[in-house]
C-alpha atoms as a PDB file:
ATOM      1  CA  UNK A   1      86.005  58.870 116.670  1.00  0.00           C
ATOM      2  CA  UNK A   2      85.428  61.356 113.801  1.00  0.00           C
ATOM      3  CA  UNK A   3      83.970  64.666 114.980  1.00  0.00           C
ATOM      4  CA  UNK A   4      81.527  66.127 112.441  1.00  0.00           C
ATOM      5  CA  UNK A   5      80.141  69.637 112.101  1.00  0.00           C
ATOM      6  CA  UNK A   6      76.869  69.570 110.161  1.00  0.00           C
ATOM      7  CA  UNK A   7      75.879  72.781 108.396  1.00  0.00           C
ATOM      8  CA  UNK A   8      72.329  72.803 107.056  1.00  0.00           C
ATOM      9  CA  UNK A   9      71.046  70.344 109.635  1.00  0.00           C
ATOM     10  CA  UNK A  10      67.341  70.849 108.925  1.00  0.00           C
ATOM     11  CA  UNK A  11      67.486  70.410 105.153  1.00  0.00           C
ATOM     12  CA  UNK A  12      67.084  67.191 103.177  1.00  0.00           C
ATOM     13  CA  UNK A  13      70.803  66.349 103.214  1.00  0.00           C
ATOM     14  CA  UNK A  14      71.140  67.364 106.856  1.00  0.00           C
ATOM     15  CA  UNK A  15      68.290  65.153 108.042  1.00  0.00           C
ATOM     16  CA  UNK A  16      69.674  62.131 106.197  1.00  0.00           C
ATOM     17  CA  UNK A  17      73.184  62.867 107.491  1.00  0.00           C
ATOM     18  CA  UNK A  18      71.854  62.792 111.048  1.00  0.00           C
ATOM     19  CA  UNK A  19      70.466  59.321 110.372  1.00  0.00           C
ATOM     20  CA  UNK A  20      73.864  58.141 109.126  1.00  0.00           C
ATOM     21  CA  UNK A  21      75.756  59.685 112.049  1.00  0.00           C
ATOM     22  CA  UNK A  22      73.398  58.247 114.662  1.00  0.00           C
ATOM     23  CA  UNK A  23      73.783  54.744 113.210  1.00  0.00           C
ATOM     24  CA  UNK A  24      77.597  54.804 113.050  1.00  0.00           C
ATOM     25  CA  UNK A  25      79.521  54.315 116.317  1.00  0.00           C
ATOM     26  CA  UNK A  26      82.672  55.984 114.955  1.00  0.00           C
ATOM     27  CA  UNK A  27      80.913  59.233 113.980  1.00  0.00           C
ATOM     28  CA  UNK A  28      80.176  62.000 116.494  1.00  0.00           C
ATOM     29  CA  UNK A  29      78.126  65.133 115.852  1.00  0.00           C
ATOM     30  CA  UNK A  30      80.097  67.893 117.563  1.00  0.00           C
ATOM     31  CA  UNK A  31      78.250  70.884 116.076  1.00  0.00           C
ATOM     32  CA  UNK A  32      75.192  71.658 113.978  1.00  0.00           C
ATOM     33  CA  UNK A  33      73.800  74.740 112.288  1.00  0.00           C
ATOM     34  CA  UNK A  34      70.531  75.650 110.595  1.00  0.00           C
ATOM     35  CA  UNK A  35      69.453  78.627 108.574  1.00  0.00           C
ATOM     36  CA  UNK A  36      66.801  79.831 111.010  1.00  0.00           C
ATOM     37  CA  UNK A  37      65.040  76.889 112.692  1.00  0.00           C
ATOM     38  CA  UNK A  38      65.930  76.298 116.354  1.00  0.00           C
ATOM     39  CA  UNK A  39      67.998  73.129 116.843  1.00  0.00           C
ATOM     40  CA  UNK A  40      68.902  73.438 120.522  1.00  0.00           C
ATOM     41  CA  UNK A  41      70.161  70.144 121.932  1.00  0.00           C
ATOM     42  CA  UNK A  42      70.856  68.563 118.552  1.00  0.00           C
ATOM     43  CA  UNK A  43      74.622  68.737 119.158  1.00  0.00           C
ATOM     44  CA  UNK A  44      76.983  70.060 121.868  1.00  0.00           C
ATOM     45  CA  UNK A  45      77.309  73.288 119.866  1.00  0.00           C
ATOM     46  CA  UNK A  46      74.350  74.561 117.830  1.00  0.00           C
ATOM     47  CA  UNK A  47      73.532  77.711 115.917  1.00  0.00           C
ATOM     48  CA  UNK A  48      70.561  79.053 113.974  1.00  0.00           C
ATOM     49  CA  UNK A  49      71.627  81.645 111.426  1.00  0.00           C
ATOM     50  CA  UNK A  50      74.670  83.829 111.908  1.00  0.00           C
ATOM     51  CA  UNK A  51      78.299  83.365 110.915  1.00  0.00           C
ATOM     52  CA  UNK A  52      78.972  79.676 110.298  1.00  0.00           C
ATOM     53  CA  UNK A  53      82.732  80.095 110.547  1.00  0.00           C
ATOM     54  CA  UNK A  54      82.364  81.190 114.181  1.00  0.00           C
ATOM     55  CA  UNK A  55      80.587  77.912 114.918  1.00  0.00           C
ATOM     56  CA  UNK A  56      83.369  75.980 113.181  1.00  0.00           C
ATOM     57  CA  UNK A  57      86.065  77.826 115.120  1.00  0.00           C
ATOM     58  CA  UNK A  58      84.414  76.797 118.395  1.00  0.00           C
ATOM     59  CA  UNK A  59      83.709  73.214 117.326  1.00  0.00           C
ATOM     60  CA  UNK A  60      87.150  72.302 115.893  1.00  0.00           C
ATOM     61  CA  UNK A  61      85.700  69.411 113.836  1.00  0.00           C
ATOM     62  CA  UNK A  62      87.561  66.661 112.010  1.00  0.00           C
ATOM     63  CA  UNK A  63      85.137  66.945 109.098  1.00  0.00           C
ATOM     64  CA  UNK A  64      82.668  69.592 107.943  1.00  0.00           C
ATOM     65  CA  UNK A  65      79.544  68.487 106.080  1.00  0.00           C
ATOM     66  CA  UNK A  66      78.456  71.632 104.239  1.00  0.00           C
ATOM     67  CA  UNK A  67      74.822  71.130 103.258  1.00  0.00           C
ATOM     68  CA  UNK A  68      73.913  74.827 103.212  1.00  0.00           C
ATOM     69  CA  UNK A  69      71.908  75.924 100.177  1.00  0.00           C
ATOM     70  CA  UNK A  70      73.418  78.468  97.809  1.00  0.00           C
ATOM     71  CA  UNK A  71      76.194  81.056  97.915  1.00  0.00           C
ATOM     72  CA  UNK A  72      75.722  81.382 101.681  1.00  0.00           C
ATOM     73  CA  UNK A  73      77.736  78.188 102.112  1.00  0.00           C
ATOM     74  CA  UNK A  74      80.898  79.655 100.565  1.00  0.00           C
ATOM     75  CA  UNK A  75      82.616  81.052 103.707  1.00  0.00           C
ATOM     76  CA  UNK A  76      82.331  77.677 105.462  1.00  0.00           C
ATOM     77  CA  UNK A  77      83.767  75.905 102.414  1.00  0.00           C
ATOM     78  CA  UNK A  78      86.773  78.222 102.357  1.00  0.00           C
ATOM     79  CA  UNK A  79      87.196  77.931 106.142  1.00  0.00           C
ATOM     80  CA  UNK A  80      87.520  74.150 105.964  1.00  0.00           C
ATOM     81  CA  UNK A  81      89.770  74.117 102.912  1.00  0.00           C
ATOM     82  CA  UNK A  82      92.143  76.779 104.260  1.00  0.00           C
ATOM     83  CA  UNK A  83      92.597  74.896 107.529  1.00  0.00           C
ATOM     84  CA  UNK A  84      93.064  71.442 106.088  1.00  0.00           C
ATOM     85  CA  UNK A  85      89.824  70.172 107.656  1.00  0.00           C
ATOM     86  CA  UNK A  86      88.210  67.445 105.581  1.00  0.00           C
ATOM     87  CA  UNK A  87      85.163  68.808 103.734  1.00  0.00           C
ATOM     88  CA  UNK A  88      82.155  66.754 102.657  1.00  0.00           C
ATOM     89  CA  UNK A  89      80.635  69.146 100.144  1.00  0.00           C
ATOM     90  CA  UNK A  90      76.924  69.124  99.363  1.00  0.00           C
ATOM     91  CA  UNK A  91      76.940  72.885  98.768  1.00  0.00           C
ATOM     92  CA  UNK A  92      77.865  72.745  95.090  1.00  0.00           C
ATOM     93  CA  UNK A  93      77.179  76.467  94.652  1.00  0.00           C
ATOM     94  CA  UNK A  94      80.244  77.474  96.673  1.00  0.00           C
ATOM     95  CA  UNK A  95      82.560  75.519  94.378  1.00  0.00           C
ATOM     96  CA  UNK A  96      80.732  76.812  91.303  1.00  0.00           C
ATOM     97  CA  UNK A  97      81.092  80.418  92.445  1.00  0.00           C
ATOM     98  CA  UNK A  98      84.608  80.149  93.854  1.00  0.00           C
ATOM     99  CA  UNK A  99      86.222  77.235  92.046  1.00  0.00           C
ATOM    100  CA  UNK A 100      89.701  78.709  91.562  1.00  0.00           C
ATOM    101  CA  UNK A 101      89.820  80.278  95.034  1.00  0.00           C
ATOM    102  CA  UNK A 102      88.534  77.095  96.646  1.00  0.00           C
ATOM    103  CA  UNK A 103      91.114  74.880  94.959  1.00  0.00           C
ATOM    104  CA  UNK A 104      93.890  77.297  95.893  1.00  0.00           C
ATOM    105  CA  UNK A 105      92.672  77.161  99.507  1.00  0.00           C
ATOM    106  CA  UNK A 106      92.683  73.362  99.398  1.00  0.00           C
ATOM    107  CA  UNK A 107      96.261  73.313  98.099  1.00  0.00           C
ATOM    108  CA  UNK A 108      97.311  75.527 101.004  1.00  0.00           C
ATOM    109  CA  UNK A 109      95.354  73.579 103.602  1.00  0.00           C
ATOM    110  CA  UNK A 110      95.953  70.059 102.346  1.00  0.00           C
ATOM    111  CA  UNK A 111      92.624  68.617 103.514  1.00  0.00           C
ATOM    112  CA  UNK A 112      90.356  66.313 101.571  1.00  0.00           C
ATOM    113  CA  UNK A 113      87.446  67.561  99.470  1.00  0.00           C
ATOM    114  CA  UNK A 114      84.832  64.814  99.182  1.00  0.00           C
ATOM    115  CA  UNK A 115      81.747  65.506  97.050  1.00  0.00           C
ATOM    116  CA  UNK A 116      78.319  64.541  98.365  1.00  0.00           C
ATOM    117  CA  UNK A 117      76.288  64.990  95.171  1.00  0.00           C
ATOM    118  CA  UNK A 118      75.456  61.494  93.949  1.00  0.00           C
ATOM    119  CA  UNK A 119      76.910  62.186  90.500  1.00  0.00           C
ATOM    120  CA  UNK A 120      80.216  63.506  91.780  1.00  0.00           C
ATOM    121  CA  UNK A 121      80.468  60.827  94.440  1.00  0.00           C
ATOM    122  CA  UNK A 122      80.026  58.234  91.705  1.00  0.00           C
ATOM    123  CA  UNK A 123      82.551  59.969  89.476  1.00  0.00           C
ATOM    124  CA  UNK A 124      85.105  60.098  92.305  1.00  0.00           C
ATOM    125  CA  UNK A 125      84.760  56.368  92.873  1.00  0.00           C
ATOM    126  CA  UNK A 126      85.274  55.657  89.170  1.00  0.00           C
ATOM    127  CA  UNK A 127      88.201  58.081  88.804  1.00  0.00           C
ATOM    128  CA  UNK A 128      90.070  57.673  92.068  1.00  0.00           C
ATOM    129  CA  UNK A 129      93.647  56.473  91.681  1.00  0.00           C
ATOM    130  CA  UNK A 130      93.581  56.680  87.884  1.00  0.00           C
ATOM    131  CA  UNK A 131      95.970  59.009  86.027  1.00  0.00           C
ATOM    132  CA  UNK A 132      94.262  61.840  84.163  1.00  0.00           C
ATOM    133  CA  UNK A 133      95.971  60.775  80.951  1.00  0.00           C
ATOM    134  CA  UNK A 134      93.925  57.552  80.993  1.00  0.00           C
ATOM    135  CA  UNK A 135      90.584  59.399  81.081  1.00  0.00           C
ATOM    136  CA  UNK A 136      88.733  60.102  77.869  1.00  0.00           C
ATOM    137  CA  UNK A 137      85.634  61.773  79.350  1.00  0.00           C
ATOM    138  CA  UNK A 138      83.261  61.990  82.270  1.00  0.00           C
ATOM    139  CA  UNK A 139      79.509  61.529  81.847  1.00  0.00           C
ATOM    140  CA  UNK A 140      77.058  63.007  84.370  1.00  0.00           C
ATOM    141  CA  UNK A 141      73.502  61.717  84.324  1.00  0.00           C
ATOM    142  CA  UNK A 142      70.343  63.810  84.683  1.00  0.00           C
ATOM    143  CA  UNK A 143      66.904  62.431  85.427  1.00  0.00           C
ATOM    144  CA  UNK A 144      65.342  65.058  83.189  1.00  0.00           C
ATOM    145  CA  UNK A 145      63.085  66.191  86.034  1.00  0.00           C
ATOM    146  CA  UNK A 146      59.289  66.181  85.997  1.00  0.00           C
ATOM    147  CA  UNK A 147      59.025  67.857  82.581  1.00  0.00           C
ATOM    148  CA  UNK A 148      61.240  65.566  80.537  1.00  0.00           C
ATOM    149  CA  UNK A 149      59.917  65.249  76.983  1.00  0.00           C
ATOM    150  CA  UNK A 150      57.870  68.444  77.042  1.00  0.00           C
ATOM    151  CA  UNK A 151      58.427  71.379  74.703  1.00  0.00           C
ATOM    152  CA  UNK A 152      58.474  75.059  75.699  1.00  0.00           C
ATOM    153  CA  UNK A 153      54.840  75.636  74.789  1.00  0.00           C
ATOM    154  CA  UNK A 154      53.834  72.981  77.328  1.00  0.00           C
ATOM    155  CA  UNK A 155      55.742  74.724  80.135  1.00  0.00           C
ATOM    156  CA  UNK A 156      54.176  78.181  79.968  1.00  0.00           C
ATOM    157  CA  UNK A 157      51.749  77.553  82.840  1.00  0.00           C
ATOM    158  CA  UNK A 158      53.928  75.376  85.064  1.00  0.00           C
ATOM    159  CA  UNK A 159      53.183  75.849  88.765  1.00  0.00           C
ATOM    160  CA  UNK A 160      55.670  75.533  91.638  1.00  0.00           C
ATOM    161  CA  UNK A 161      53.878  72.427  92.905  1.00  0.00           C
ATOM    162  CA  UNK A 162      54.313  70.750  89.514  1.00  0.00           C
ATOM    163  CA  UNK A 163      58.004  71.680  89.396  1.00  0.00           C
ATOM    164  CA  UNK A 164      58.526  70.251  92.884  1.00  0.00           C
ATOM    165  CA  UNK A 165      57.137  66.824  91.922  1.00  0.00           C
ATOM    166  CA  UNK A 166      60.450  65.152  91.089  1.00  0.00           C
ATOM    167  CA  UNK A 167      60.008  61.647  89.647  1.00  0.00           C
ATOM    168  CA  UNK A 168      62.962  59.905  91.353  1.00  0.00           C
ATOM    169  CA  UNK A 169      64.676  62.052  94.016  1.00  0.00           C
ATOM    170  CA  UNK A 170      63.405  63.523  97.303  1.00  0.00           C
ATOM    171  CA  UNK A 171      65.167  66.887  97.642  1.00  0.00           C
ATOM    172  CA  UNK A 172      64.659  70.422  98.922  1.00  0.00           C
ATOM    173  CA  UNK A 173      62.641  72.999  96.921  1.00  0.00           C
ATOM    174  CA  UNK A 174      65.557  74.906  95.384  1.00  0.00           C
ATOM    175  CA  UNK A 175      67.454  71.903  94.068  1.00  0.00           C
ATOM    176  CA  UNK A 176      64.203  70.281  92.887  1.00  0.00           C
ATOM    177  CA  UNK A 177      63.331  73.311  90.755  1.00  0.00           C
ATOM    178  CA  UNK A 178      66.936  73.352  89.497  1.00  0.00           C
ATOM    179  CA  UNK A 179      66.454  69.746  88.431  1.00  0.00           C
ATOM    180  CA  UNK A 180      63.278  70.689  86.566  1.00  0.00           C
ATOM    181  CA  UNK A 181      65.100  73.445  84.624  1.00  0.00           C
ATOM    182  CA  UNK A 182      68.366  71.437  84.235  1.00  0.00           C
ATOM    183  CA  UNK A 183      70.172  74.269  86.047  1.00  0.00           C
ATOM    184  CA  UNK A 184      71.204  71.722  88.661  1.00  0.00           C
ATOM    185  CA  UNK A 185      73.029  69.708  86.041  1.00  0.00           C
ATOM    186  CA  UNK A 186      74.674  72.895  84.820  1.00  0.00           C
ATOM    187  CA  UNK A 187      75.919  73.610  88.341  1.00  0.00           C
ATOM    188  CA  UNK A 188      77.153  70.015  88.608  1.00  0.00           C
ATOM    189  CA  UNK A 189      78.955  70.369  85.280  1.00  0.00           C
ATOM    190  CA  UNK A 190      80.929  73.355  86.582  1.00  0.00           C
ATOM    191  CA  UNK A 191      81.544  71.610  89.909  1.00  0.00           C
ATOM    192  CA  UNK A 192      82.905  68.535  88.125  1.00  0.00           C
ATOM    193  CA  UNK A 193      85.322  70.696  86.141  1.00  0.00           C
ATOM    194  CA  UNK A 194      86.898  71.914  89.377  1.00  0.00           C
ATOM    195  CA  UNK A 195      86.648  68.686  91.369  1.00  0.00           C
ATOM    196  CA  UNK A 196      88.304  66.497  88.761  1.00  0.00           C
ATOM    197  CA  UNK A 197      90.445  69.016  86.823  1.00  0.00           C
ATOM    198  CA  UNK A 198      88.754  68.084  83.565  1.00  0.00           C
ATOM    199  CA  UNK A 199      88.240  70.559  80.698  1.00  0.00           C
ATOM    200  CA  UNK A 200      84.611  71.189  79.826  1.00  0.00           C
ATOM    201  CA  UNK A 201      84.910  69.432  76.488  1.00  0.00           C
ATOM    202  CA  UNK A 202      85.621  66.201  78.410  1.00  0.00           C
ATOM    203  CA  UNK A 203      82.437  66.438  80.495  1.00  0.00           C
ATOM    204  CA  UNK A 204      79.137  65.280  78.999  1.00  0.00           C
ATOM    205  CA  UNK A 205      75.592  65.308  80.350  1.00  0.00           C
ATOM    206  CA  UNK A 206      73.047  62.667  79.359  1.00  0.00           C
ATOM    207  CA  UNK A 207      69.444  62.152  80.436  1.00  0.00           C
ATOM    208  CA  UNK A 208      68.867  58.925  82.367  1.00  0.00           C
ATOM    209  CA  UNK A 209      65.269  58.897  83.698  1.00  0.00           C
ATOM    210  CA  UNK A 210      65.557  56.163  86.341  1.00  0.00           C
ATOM    211  CA  UNK A 211      68.563  57.738  88.118  1.00  0.00           C
ATOM    212  CA  UNK A 212      70.207  54.353  88.687  1.00  0.00           C
ATOM    213  CA  UNK A 213      73.471  55.240  86.929  1.00  0.00           C
ATOM    214  CA  UNK A 214      74.948  58.280  88.639  1.00  0.00           C
ATOM    215  CA  UNK A 215      78.132  58.780  86.633  1.00  0.00           C
ATOM    216  CA  UNK A 216      80.218  57.094  83.966  1.00  0.00           C
ATOM    217  CA  UNK A 217      83.877  57.487  83.062  1.00  0.00           C
ATOM    218  CA  UNK A 218      85.160  56.604  79.613  1.00  0.00           C
ATOM    219  CA  UNK A 219      88.822  55.650  79.343  1.00  0.00           C
ATOM    220  CA  UNK A 220      91.232  55.959  76.462  1.00  0.00           C
ATOM    221  CA  UNK A 221      91.250  52.191  75.811  1.00  0.00           C
ATOM    222  CA  UNK A 222      87.519  52.203  75.031  1.00  0.00           C
ATOM    223  CA  UNK A 223      86.370  50.902  78.426  1.00  0.00           C
ATOM    224  CA  UNK A 224      83.677  52.670  80.463  1.00  0.00           C
ATOM    225  CA  UNK A 225      83.161  52.363  84.220  1.00  0.00           C
ATOM    226  CA  UNK A 226      79.838  53.302  85.777  1.00  0.00           C
ATOM    227  CA  UNK A 227      78.583  53.887  89.309  1.00  0.00           C
ATOM    228  CA  UNK A 228      75.110  52.410  89.870  1.00  0.00           C
ATOM    229  CA  UNK A 229      72.731  52.376  92.799  1.00  0.00           C
ATOM    230  CA  UNK A 230      69.161  53.182  93.732  1.00  0.00           C
ATOM    231  CA  UNK A 231      68.522  56.936  94.004  1.00  0.00           C
ATOM    232  CA  UNK A 232      69.026  57.442  97.740  1.00  0.00           C
ATOM    233  CA  UNK A 233      71.233  60.235  99.061  1.00  0.00           C
ATOM    234  CA  UNK A 234      72.156  58.269 102.171  1.00  0.00           C
ATOM    235  CA  UNK A 235      74.655  56.334 100.050  1.00  0.00           C
ATOM    236  CA  UNK A 236      76.854  59.272  98.943  1.00  0.00           C
ATOM    237  CA  UNK A 237      76.402  60.962 102.348  1.00  0.00           C
ATOM    238  CA  UNK A 238      77.646  57.848 104.122  1.00  0.00           C
ATOM    239  CA  UNK A 239      80.536  57.494 101.682  1.00  0.00           C
ATOM    240  CA  UNK A 240      81.632  61.090 102.312  1.00  0.00           C
ATOM    241  CA  UNK A 241      81.305  60.864 106.107  1.00  0.00           C
ATOM    242  CA  UNK A 242      83.143  57.544 106.446  1.00  0.00           C
ATOM    243  CA  UNK A 243      85.669  57.998 103.612  1.00  0.00           C
ATOM    244  CA  UNK A 244      87.941  56.178 102.825  1.00  0.00           C
ATOM    245  CA  UNK A 245      85.919  53.358 104.340  1.00  0.00           C
ATOM    246  CA  UNK A 246      82.635  52.185 102.869  1.00  0.00           C
ATOM    247  CA  UNK A 247      80.257  51.764 105.768  1.00  0.00           C
ATOM    248  CA  UNK A 248      77.057  49.726 105.881  1.00  0.00           C
ATOM    249  CA  UNK A 249      73.833  51.586 105.003  1.00  0.00           C
ATOM    250  CA  UNK A 250      70.203  50.421 105.066  1.00  0.00           C
ATOM    251  CA  UNK A 251      69.970  50.740 101.268  1.00  0.00           C
ATOM    252  CA  UNK A 252      69.288  47.472  99.472  1.00  0.00           C
ATOM    253  CA  UNK A 253      71.596  46.359  96.634  1.00  0.00           C
ATOM    254  CA  UNK A 254      70.423  46.549  93.049  1.00  0.00           C
ATOM    255  CA  UNK A 255      68.077  43.784  91.994  1.00  0.00           C
ATOM    256  CA  UNK A 256      69.508  43.137  88.546  1.00  0.00           C
ATOM    257  CA  UNK A 257      67.676  39.861  87.978  1.00  0.00           C
ATOM    258  CA  UNK A 258      64.358  41.560  88.701  1.00  0.00           C
ATOM    259  CA  UNK A 259      64.564  43.383  85.388  1.00  0.00           C
ATOM    260  CA  UNK A 260      66.134  46.780  84.870  1.00  0.00           C
ATOM    261  CA  UNK A 261      66.174  49.114  81.873  1.00  0.00           C
ATOM    262  CA  UNK A 262      69.001  51.613  81.553  1.00  0.00           C
ATOM    263  CA  UNK A 263      67.869  54.314  79.142  1.00  0.00           C
ATOM    264  CA  UNK A 264      70.000  57.282  78.059  1.00  0.00           C
ATOM    265  CA  UNK A 265      69.437  60.237  75.757  1.00  0.00           C
ATOM    266  CA  UNK A 266      70.636  63.776  75.029  1.00  0.00           C
ATOM    267  CA  UNK A 267      69.380  66.726  77.075  1.00  0.00           C
ATOM    268  CA  UNK A 268      66.960  69.110  75.371  1.00  0.00           C
ATOM    269  CA  UNK A 269      68.870  72.384  75.736  1.00  0.00           C
ATOM    270  CA  UNK A 270      66.419  74.263  73.520  1.00  0.00           C
ATOM    271  CA  UNK A 271      63.571  73.665  75.964  1.00  0.00           C
ATOM    272  CA  UNK A 272      65.864  73.753  79.023  1.00  0.00           C
ATOM    273  CA  UNK A 273      68.616  76.224  78.071  1.00  0.00           C
ATOM    274  CA  UNK A 274      70.049  76.719  81.574  1.00  0.00           C
ATOM    275  CA  UNK A 275      72.339  73.729  81.087  1.00  0.00           C
ATOM    276  CA  UNK A 276      73.864  75.411  78.029  1.00  0.00           C
ATOM    277  CA  UNK A 277      74.086  78.752  79.855  1.00  0.00           C
ATOM    278  CA  UNK A 278      75.976  77.078  82.696  1.00  0.00           C
ATOM    279  CA  UNK A 279      78.423  75.403  80.333  1.00  0.00           C
ATOM    280  CA  UNK A 280      79.041  78.714  78.580  1.00  0.00           C
ATOM    281  CA  UNK A 281      79.575  80.479  81.919  1.00  0.00           C
ATOM    282  CA  UNK A 282      82.033  77.807  82.976  1.00  0.00           C
ATOM    283  CA  UNK A 283      83.956  77.960  79.735  1.00  0.00           C
ATOM    284  CA  UNK A 284      84.182  81.762  79.939  1.00  0.00           C
ATOM    285  CA  UNK A 285      85.521  81.450  83.472  1.00  0.00           C
ATOM    286  CA  UNK A 286      86.190  84.360  85.784  1.00  0.00           C
ATOM    287  CA  UNK A 287      83.114  85.314  87.790  1.00  0.00           C
ATOM    288  CA  UNK A 288      80.638  84.216  85.122  1.00  0.00           C
ATOM    289  CA  UNK A 289      79.850  80.978  87.026  1.00  0.00           C
ATOM    290  CA  UNK A 290      79.319  83.085  90.159  1.00  0.00           C
ATOM    291  CA  UNK A 291      76.913  85.341  88.255  1.00  0.00           C
ATOM    292  CA  UNK A 292      75.081  82.319  86.831  1.00  0.00           C
ATOM    293  CA  UNK A 293      74.605  80.845  90.285  1.00  0.00           C
ATOM    294  CA  UNK A 294      73.477  84.122  91.867  1.00  0.00           C
ATOM    295  CA  UNK A 295      71.001  84.943  89.117  1.00  0.00           C
ATOM    296  CA  UNK A 296      69.568  81.436  89.227  1.00  0.00           C
ATOM    297  CA  UNK A 297      69.135  81.544  93.019  1.00  0.00           C
ATOM    298  CA  UNK A 298      67.110  84.754  92.821  1.00  0.00           C
ATOM    299  CA  UNK A 299      65.110  83.570  89.815  1.00  0.00           C
ATOM    300  CA  UNK A 300      64.162  80.269  91.464  1.00  0.00           C
ATOM    301  CA  UNK A 301      63.087  82.059  94.641  1.00  0.00           C
ATOM    302  CA  UNK A 302      60.958  84.417  92.527  1.00  0.00           C
ATOM    303  CA  UNK A 303      59.345  81.478  90.726  1.00  0.00           C
ATOM    304  CA  UNK A 304      58.536  79.706  94.000  1.00  0.00           C
ATOM    305  CA  UNK A 305      57.037  82.963  95.307  1.00  0.00           C
ATOM    306  CA  UNK A 306      54.843  83.363  92.225  1.00  0.00           C
ATOM    307  CA  UNK A 307      56.727  86.417  90.938  1.00  0.00           C
ATOM    308  CA  UNK A 308      58.202  84.767  87.827  1.00  0.00           C
ATOM    309  CA  UNK A 309      56.908  82.146  85.371  1.00  0.00           C
ATOM    310  CA  UNK A 310      58.836  78.904  85.011  1.00  0.00           C
ATOM    311  CA  UNK A 311      60.245  79.788  81.582  1.00  0.00           C
ATOM    312  CA  UNK A 312      61.228  83.191  82.927  1.00  0.00           C
ATOM    313  CA  UNK A 313      63.926  81.622  85.125  1.00  0.00           C
ATOM    314  CA  UNK A 314      66.178  80.962  82.139  1.00  0.00           C
ATOM    315  CA  UNK A 315      65.360  84.324  80.582  1.00  0.00           C
ATOM    316  CA  UNK A 316      66.451  86.411  83.563  1.00  0.00           C
ATOM    317  CA  UNK A 317      69.583  84.299  84.076  1.00  0.00           C
ATOM    318  CA  UNK A 318      70.553  84.916  80.450  1.00  0.00           C
ATOM    319  CA  UNK A 319      70.048  88.648  80.912  1.00  0.00           C
ATOM    320  CA  UNK A 320      72.143  88.673  84.082  1.00  0.00           C
ATOM    321  CA  UNK A 321      74.979  86.825  82.345  1.00  0.00           C
ATOM    322  CA  UNK A 322      74.873  89.269  79.449  1.00  0.00           C
ATOM    323  CA  UNK A 323      75.187  92.160  81.895  1.00  0.00           C
ATOM    324  CA  UNK A 324      77.900  90.562  84.054  1.00  0.00           C
ATOM    325  CA  UNK A 325      81.465  91.842  84.048  1.00  0.00           C
ATOM    326  CA  UNK A 326      82.895  88.340  84.448  1.00  0.00           C
ATOM    327  CA  UNK A 327      86.366  89.452  85.516  1.00  0.00           C
ATOM    328  CA  UNK A 328      88.392  87.034  87.639  1.00  0.00           C
ATOM    329  CA  UNK A 329      88.015  87.202  91.411  1.00  0.00           C
ATOM    330  CA  UNK A 330      91.113  87.939  93.452  1.00  0.00           C
ATOM    331  CA  UNK A 331      89.470  87.183  96.777  1.00  0.00           C
ATOM    332  CA  UNK A 332      86.191  86.565  98.560  1.00  0.00           C
ATOM    333  CA  UNK A 333      85.272  90.254  98.417  1.00  0.00           C
ATOM    334  CA  UNK A 334      85.387  90.168  94.602  1.00  0.00           C
ATOM    335  CA  UNK A 335      83.107  87.139  94.571  1.00  0.00           C
ATOM    336  CA  UNK A 336      80.662  88.782  96.953  1.00  0.00           C
ATOM    337  CA  UNK A 337      80.580  91.837  94.698  1.00  0.00           C
ATOM    338  CA  UNK A 338      79.923  89.712  91.578  1.00  0.00           C
ATOM    339  CA  UNK A 339      77.234  87.765  93.421  1.00  0.00           C
ATOM    340  CA  UNK A 340      75.517  90.930  94.627  1.00  0.00           C
ATOM    341  CA  UNK A 341      75.637  92.564  91.202  1.00  0.00           C
ATOM    342  CA  UNK A 342      73.980  89.573  89.525  1.00  0.00           C
ATOM    343  CA  UNK A 343      71.288  89.445  92.218  1.00  0.00           C
ATOM    344  CA  UNK A 344      70.654  93.170  91.870  1.00  0.00           C
ATOM    345  CA  UNK A 345      70.299  92.841  88.100  1.00  0.00           C
ATOM    346  CA  UNK A 346      67.707  90.071  88.433  1.00  0.00           C
ATOM    347  CA  UNK A 347      65.732  91.961  91.070  1.00  0.00           C
ATOM    348  CA  UNK A 348      65.633  95.058  88.858  1.00  0.00           C
ATOM    349  CA  UNK A 349      64.481  92.911  85.952  1.00  0.00           C
ATOM    350  CA  UNK A 350      61.705  91.460  88.104  1.00  0.00           C
ATOM    351  CA  UNK A 351      60.559  94.946  89.134  1.00  0.00           C
ATOM    352  CA  UNK A 352      60.295  96.042  85.499  1.00  0.00           C
ATOM    353  CA  UNK A 353      58.381  92.883  84.608  1.00  0.00           C
END
């Protein structure tokens, strides 16, 4: 029996994880946490808000599924990695903000880090067991979001409801807006750099509107392997929870004979510059990725609250990156300071606006 602690139980990933756990006889939910919604009775140990590491200390899980949104998930990520507890990571922001510290913690702890994002799950399955010297490049796919094909002038009056109408995925508000701005793919780009120890020049992003191909890996001999499947997060969640097995899910296999078009194209970084800003932050290193993530979190929240126009998200993130110190973080306190400084800069910008 694998004992699982689920963090972010009421979100999109959390709800689908509960479905997977309930259907699998070898998985047991030993603890669950939410941001604020009461979840009494969901698991033997539950918590709404508060310090997630205290919950984990009491639960002593075999695996932590971290589906918390944003920087708030970082302490739980480091807790699991330091202690050698297997971590199914849906909280990409913690690895973006603390990549070097997180990997150092994993080396000390020795546990497994299994990505839950569909793109990184697909990449892991294509890369696993293959020497790095054989890899030419990794390709992450982006749906392009609801505004694919539009130019900046057509996005000036975008409303939150329009940004939340994703064409292929059913996700929470924050990640759905990130998909619309391509910030999500920027975060995934940085996450992939740390997960797979690949330099940024070996990681490419392409737009693939149907979201059937989740990742591709090119090899030095000219071959390319791809991970395909219908866009349903229960597949990568199940893979992470049952790893290294591949358990049965209710998702139907691809109907190739029914007709399927696989279309790819370059991302429009002029209209959606957050992808380029994320790559630049990653390449600069230090706490620049942390600042990018923090500024984007505040900007997205402001957009959803009607305080910032859609195009303003990228503008305030760029300003926050320009103002950031970017120096390397020695510990969690340094990351918290960089995160807070970027958030403060965006909030001050919003007040002036």
